[in-house]
Amino acid sequence: MTDKKKANPKASQNDADNSSSDAEHLVRFLDAVKNASERLRVDVKTYRGSTYIDIRVWYVTDDGDYRPSSKGVTLKPTMAPELLRGIALAARSFDPREAN
């Protein structure tokens, strides 16, 4: 696989975005490079008629496609404000110069 494939967030847009046949991809809000073989994606999906936010690590397969891993969380949109507050508190809890 080329580095261009790994670095291009649009490269896997046509991959199988659903980890289940019951899930329907609605919108991808984030597709960030985590490392050479993983991406962090934030999607809004419906599953059995309910809407969810899916925050998940996707990994690259041997054939260069990205697939969802079990590393992630799916939550109801009503939990998003509380999750964001927790992330903000965690981000402020350390000195970013020492985070490496």
N, C-alpha and C. Protein backbone atom coordinates (compact mmCIF):
# COMPACT_ATOMS: atom_id res chain seq x y z
N MET A 1 0.84 -1.16 0.00
CA MET A 1 0.00 0.00 0.00
C MET A 1 0.89 1.23 0.00
N THR A 2 0.47 2.26 -0.69
CA THR A 2 1.25 3.47 -0.77
C THR A 2 0.93 4.37 0.42
N ASP A 3 1.88 5.29 0.72
CA ASP A 3 1.65 6.26 1.79
C ASP A 3 0.51 7.19 1.43
N LYS A 4 0.31 7.44 0.14
CA LYS A 4 -0.79 8.31 -0.28
C LYS A 4 -2.14 7.72 0.13
N LYS A 5 -2.30 6.42 0.01
CA LYS A 5 -3.55 5.76 0.41
C LYS A 5 -3.77 5.92 1.91
N LYS A 6 -2.71 5.74 2.70
CA LYS A 6 -2.83 5.82 4.14
C LYS A 6 -3.13 7.25 4.61
N ALA A 7 -2.58 8.24 3.92
CA ALA A 7 -2.69 9.61 4.38
C ALA A 7 -3.92 10.34 3.87
N ASN A 8 -4.58 9.81 2.87
CA ASN A 8 -5.70 10.51 2.25
C ASN A 8 -7.01 10.16 2.95
N PRO A 9 -7.63 11.12 3.67
CA PRO A 9 -8.87 10.80 4.38
C PRO A 9 -10.01 10.44 3.45
N LYS A 10 -9.99 10.85 2.20
CA LYS A 10 -11.05 10.53 1.25
C LYS A 10 -10.81 9.19 0.56
N ALA A 11 -9.63 8.61 0.75
CA ALA A 11 -9.27 7.40 0.02
C ALA A 11 -10.18 6.23 0.34
N SER A 12 -10.73 6.21 1.53
CA SER A 12 -11.54 5.05 1.92
C SER A 12 -13.02 5.37 1.97
N GLN A 13 -13.45 6.48 1.40
CA GLN A 13 -14.85 6.87 1.43
C GLN A 13 -15.76 5.82 0.81
N ASN A 14 -15.27 5.07 -0.16
CA ASN A 14 -16.10 4.07 -0.81
C ASN A 14 -15.99 2.69 -0.17
N ASP A 15 -15.20 2.61 0.93
CA ASP A 15 -15.09 1.35 1.64
C ASP A 15 -16.43 0.99 2.25
N ALA A 16 -16.54 -0.23 2.71
CA ALA A 16 -17.76 -0.66 3.40
C ALA A 16 -17.83 0.07 4.72
N ASP A 17 -18.67 1.09 4.82
CA ASP A 17 -18.75 1.92 6.00
C ASP A 17 -19.58 1.31 7.10
N ASN A 18 -20.27 0.24 6.85
CA ASN A 18 -21.16 -0.31 7.85
C ASN A 18 -20.59 -1.60 8.39
N SER A 19 -20.53 -1.68 9.74
CA SER A 19 -20.06 -2.91 10.34
C SER A 19 -21.20 -3.90 10.50
N SER A 20 -22.43 -3.46 10.21
CA SER A 20 -23.60 -4.33 10.31
C SER A 20 -24.53 -4.01 9.16
N SER A 21 -25.24 -5.01 8.68
CA SER A 21 -26.16 -4.77 7.57
C SER A 21 -27.36 -3.94 8.01
N ASP A 22 -27.62 -3.84 9.33
CA ASP A 22 -28.72 -3.04 9.84
C ASP A 22 -28.35 -1.56 10.01
N ALA A 23 -27.06 -1.23 9.94
CA ALA A 23 -26.61 0.14 10.16
C ALA A 23 -26.60 0.90 8.84
N GLU A 24 -26.99 2.16 8.92
CA GLU A 24 -26.98 3.02 7.74
C GLU A 24 -26.10 4.22 8.04
N HIS A 25 -25.07 4.42 7.21
CA HIS A 25 -24.17 5.57 7.38
C HIS A 25 -24.91 6.82 6.96
N LEU A 26 -24.93 7.81 7.84
CA LEU A 26 -25.55 9.08 7.51
C LEU A 26 -24.50 10.13 7.19
N VAL A 27 -23.66 10.47 8.17
CA VAL A 27 -22.68 11.55 7.98
C VAL A 27 -21.38 11.19 8.69
N ARG A 28 -20.25 11.45 8.05
CA ARG A 28 -18.94 11.31 8.69
C ARG A 28 -18.46 12.72 9.04
N PHE A 29 -18.21 12.95 10.34
CA PHE A 29 -17.80 14.25 10.81
C PHE A 29 -16.30 14.38 11.00
N LEU A 30 -15.62 13.26 11.19
CA LEU A 30 -14.18 13.29 11.38
C LEU A 30 -13.57 12.03 10.79
N ASP A 31 -12.45 12.22 10.10
CA ASP A 31 -11.66 11.11 9.59
C ASP A 31 -10.21 11.53 9.78
N ALA A 32 -9.64 11.22 10.95
CA ALA A 32 -8.31 11.69 11.33
C ALA A 32 -7.32 10.53 11.34
N VAL A 33 -6.10 10.81 10.90
CA VAL A 33 -5.04 9.81 10.94
C VAL A 33 -4.60 9.64 12.39
N LYS A 34 -4.66 8.41 12.86
CA LYS A 34 -4.18 8.08 14.20
C LYS A 34 -2.72 7.65 14.12
N ASN A 35 -2.43 6.77 13.17
CA ASN A 35 -1.07 6.32 12.88
C ASN A 35 -1.07 5.74 11.47
N ALA A 36 0.01 5.09 11.07
CA ALA A 36 0.15 4.61 9.69
C ALA A 36 -0.90 3.57 9.30
N SER A 37 -1.48 2.89 10.28
CA SER A 37 -2.43 1.83 9.93
C SER A 37 -3.82 2.02 10.54
N GLU A 38 -4.04 3.15 11.22
CA GLU A 38 -5.34 3.38 11.86
C GLU A 38 -5.83 4.80 11.66
N ARG A 39 -7.15 4.93 11.65
CA ARG A 39 -7.81 6.23 11.55
C ARG A 39 -8.85 6.31 12.66
N LEU A 40 -9.15 7.52 13.12
CA LEU A 40 -10.22 7.74 14.07
C LEU A 40 -11.36 8.41 13.31
N ARG A 41 -12.52 7.80 13.36
CA ARG A 41 -13.67 8.32 12.62
C ARG A 41 -14.83 8.57 13.56
N VAL A 42 -15.52 9.68 13.32
CA VAL A 42 -16.74 10.02 14.05
C VAL A 42 -17.86 10.08 13.03
N ASP A 43 -18.83 9.19 13.19
CA ASP A 43 -19.95 9.08 12.26
C ASP A 43 -21.27 9.22 13.01
N VAL A 44 -22.27 9.68 12.31
CA VAL A 44 -23.65 9.60 12.81
C VAL A 44 -24.33 8.55 11.96
N LYS A 45 -24.93 7.55 12.64
CA LYS A 45 -25.56 6.43 11.95
C LYS A 45 -26.93 6.16 12.54
N THR A 46 -27.73 5.45 11.77
CA THR A 46 -28.97 4.93 12.33
C THR A 46 -28.83 3.42 12.43
N TYR A 47 -29.45 2.86 13.46
CA TYR A 47 -29.45 1.43 13.66
C TYR A 47 -30.81 1.05 14.21
N ARG A 48 -31.51 0.23 13.45
CA ARG A 48 -32.86 -0.19 13.83
C ARG A 48 -33.76 1.00 14.17
N GLY A 49 -33.65 2.04 13.35
CA GLY A 49 -34.52 3.20 13.48
C GLY A 49 -34.08 4.26 14.47
N SER A 50 -32.99 4.03 15.22
CA SER A 50 -32.49 5.02 16.17
C SER A 50 -31.19 5.62 15.65
N THR A 51 -30.93 6.86 16.01
CA THR A 51 -29.73 7.57 15.58
C THR A 51 -28.67 7.50 16.67
N TYR A 52 -27.41 7.26 16.25
CA TYR A 52 -26.29 7.14 17.19
C TYR A 52 -25.08 7.87 16.66
N ILE A 53 -24.20 8.27 17.59
CA ILE A 53 -22.87 8.77 17.25
C ILE A 53 -21.91 7.61 17.46
N ASP A 54 -21.09 7.32 16.45
CA ASP A 54 -20.13 6.23 16.51
C ASP A 54 -18.73 6.83 16.45
N ILE A 55 -17.95 6.64 17.49
CA ILE A 55 -16.56 7.10 17.56
C ILE A 55 -15.72 5.84 17.57
N ARG A 56 -14.97 5.61 16.50
CA ARG A 56 -14.34 4.30 16.34
C ARG A 56 -13.00 4.40 15.64
N VAL A 57 -12.09 3.51 16.03
CA VAL A 57 -10.82 3.33 15.32
C VAL A 57 -11.07 2.38 14.16
N TRP A 58 -10.61 2.78 12.99
CA TRP A 58 -10.68 1.93 11.80
C TRP A 58 -9.25 1.52 11.47
N TYR A 59 -9.06 0.28 11.02
CA TYR A 59 -7.73 -0.23 10.70
C TYR A 59 -7.66 -0.57 9.22
N VAL A 60 -6.43 -0.54 8.70
CA VAL A 60 -6.23 -0.87 7.29
C VAL A 60 -5.98 -2.37 7.18
N THR A 61 -6.65 -2.99 6.21
CA THR A 61 -6.48 -4.42 5.97
C THR A 61 -5.30 -4.65 5.02
N ASP A 62 -4.95 -5.91 4.81
CA ASP A 62 -3.84 -6.24 3.91
C ASP A 62 -4.09 -5.77 2.49
N ASP A 63 -5.36 -5.67 2.08
CA ASP A 63 -5.66 -5.21 0.72
C ASP A 63 -5.82 -3.70 0.63
N GLY A 64 -5.56 -2.96 1.73
CA GLY A 64 -5.57 -1.50 1.69
C GLY A 64 -6.90 -0.85 2.02
N ASP A 65 -7.92 -1.65 2.33
CA ASP A 65 -9.22 -1.10 2.71
C ASP A 65 -9.26 -0.84 4.21
N TYR A 66 -10.08 0.10 4.63
CA TYR A 66 -10.26 0.36 6.05
C TYR A 66 -11.52 -0.33 6.53
N ARG A 67 -11.43 -0.92 7.73
CA ARG A 67 -12.54 -1.62 8.36
C ARG A 67 -12.68 -1.14 9.80
N PRO A 68 -13.89 -1.12 10.33
CA PRO A 68 -14.07 -0.70 11.72
C PRO A 68 -13.53 -1.75 12.69
N SER A 69 -12.90 -1.28 13.75
CA SER A 69 -12.40 -2.19 14.78
C SER A 69 -13.40 -2.23 15.94
N SER A 70 -13.10 -3.04 16.91
CA SER A 70 -13.94 -3.08 18.11
C SER A 70 -13.55 -1.97 19.08
N LYS A 71 -12.49 -1.22 18.77
CA LYS A 71 -12.05 -0.11 19.61
C LYS A 71 -12.91 1.12 19.30
N GLY A 72 -13.87 1.37 20.14
CA GLY A 72 -14.71 2.53 19.92
C GLY A 72 -15.93 2.48 20.80
N VAL A 73 -16.78 3.46 20.59
CA VAL A 73 -18.00 3.56 21.37
C VAL A 73 -19.12 4.10 20.48
N THR A 74 -20.30 3.59 20.69
CA THR A 74 -21.50 4.08 20.02
C THR A 74 -22.42 4.60 21.11
N LEU A 75 -22.87 5.83 20.96
CA LEU A 75 -23.68 6.43 22.00
C LEU A 75 -24.84 7.22 21.43
N LYS A 76 -25.82 7.46 22.28
CA LYS A 76 -26.96 8.27 21.87
C LYS A 76 -26.53 9.72 21.79
N PRO A 77 -27.05 10.49 20.84
CA PRO A 77 -26.66 11.89 20.70
C PRO A 77 -26.90 12.72 21.96
N THR A 78 -27.84 12.33 22.79
CA THR A 78 -28.09 13.08 24.02
C THR A 78 -26.91 13.01 24.99
N MET A 79 -26.02 12.04 24.81
CA MET A 79 -24.84 11.93 25.68
C MET A 79 -23.68 12.79 25.21
N ALA A 80 -23.76 13.37 24.01
CA ALA A 80 -22.64 14.12 23.44
C ALA A 80 -22.20 15.30 24.31
N PRO A 81 -23.11 16.13 24.83
CA PRO A 81 -22.64 17.25 25.65
C PRO A 81 -21.85 16.81 26.89
N GLU A 82 -22.29 15.74 27.54
CA GLU A 82 -21.59 15.24 28.72
C GLU A 82 -20.22 14.68 28.33
N LEU A 83 -20.15 13.97 27.21
CA LEU A 83 -18.88 13.44 26.72
C LEU A 83 -17.92 14.58 26.38
N LEU A 84 -18.41 15.62 25.72
CA LEU A 84 -17.56 16.76 25.37
C LEU A 84 -17.04 17.46 26.62
N ARG A 85 -17.87 17.59 27.66
CA ARG A 85 -17.40 18.19 28.92
C ARG A 85 -16.28 17.34 29.52
N GLY A 86 -16.45 16.03 29.49
CA GLY A 86 -15.41 15.14 30.01
C GLY A 86 -14.11 15.24 29.24
N ILE A 87 -14.20 15.33 27.93
CA ILE A 87 -13.00 15.48 27.10
C ILE A 87 -12.31 16.81 27.39
N ALA A 88 -13.10 17.88 27.53
CA ALA A 88 -12.53 19.20 27.83
C ALA A 88 -11.83 19.19 29.19
N LEU A 89 -12.44 18.58 30.19
CA LEU A 89 -11.81 18.49 31.51
C LEU A 89 -10.51 17.68 31.44
N ALA A 90 -10.54 16.57 30.73
CA ALA A 90 -9.33 15.74 30.59
C ALA A 90 -8.23 16.52 29.87
N ALA A 91 -8.58 17.27 28.85
CA ALA A 91 -7.59 18.03 28.08
C ALA A 91 -6.95 19.12 28.93
N ARG A 92 -7.70 19.68 29.87
CA ARG A 92 -7.16 20.74 30.73
C ARG A 92 -6.42 20.19 31.94
N SER A 93 -6.45 18.89 32.15
CA SER A 93 -5.88 18.30 33.36
C SER A 93 -4.37 18.05 33.28
N PHE A 94 -3.76 18.33 32.16
CA PHE A 94 -2.32 18.08 32.02
C PHE A 94 -1.68 19.22 31.24
N ASP A 95 -0.39 19.30 31.36
CA ASP A 95 0.40 20.29 30.63
C ASP A 95 0.69 19.70 29.25
N PRO A 96 0.17 20.31 28.16
CA PRO A 96 0.36 19.73 26.82
C PRO A 96 1.83 19.58 26.43
N ARG A 97 2.73 20.35 27.04
CA ARG A 97 4.16 20.23 26.71
C ARG A 97 4.72 18.91 27.25
N GLU A 98 4.03 18.31 28.21
CA GLU A 98 4.52 17.06 28.81
C GLU A 98 3.74 15.85 28.29
N ALA A 99 2.85 16.04 27.33
CA ALA A 99 1.97 14.96 26.87
C ALA A 99 2.62 14.03 25.86
N ASN A 100 3.82 14.29 25.43
CA ASN A 100 4.45 13.42 24.43
C ASN A 100 4.91 12.20 25.09
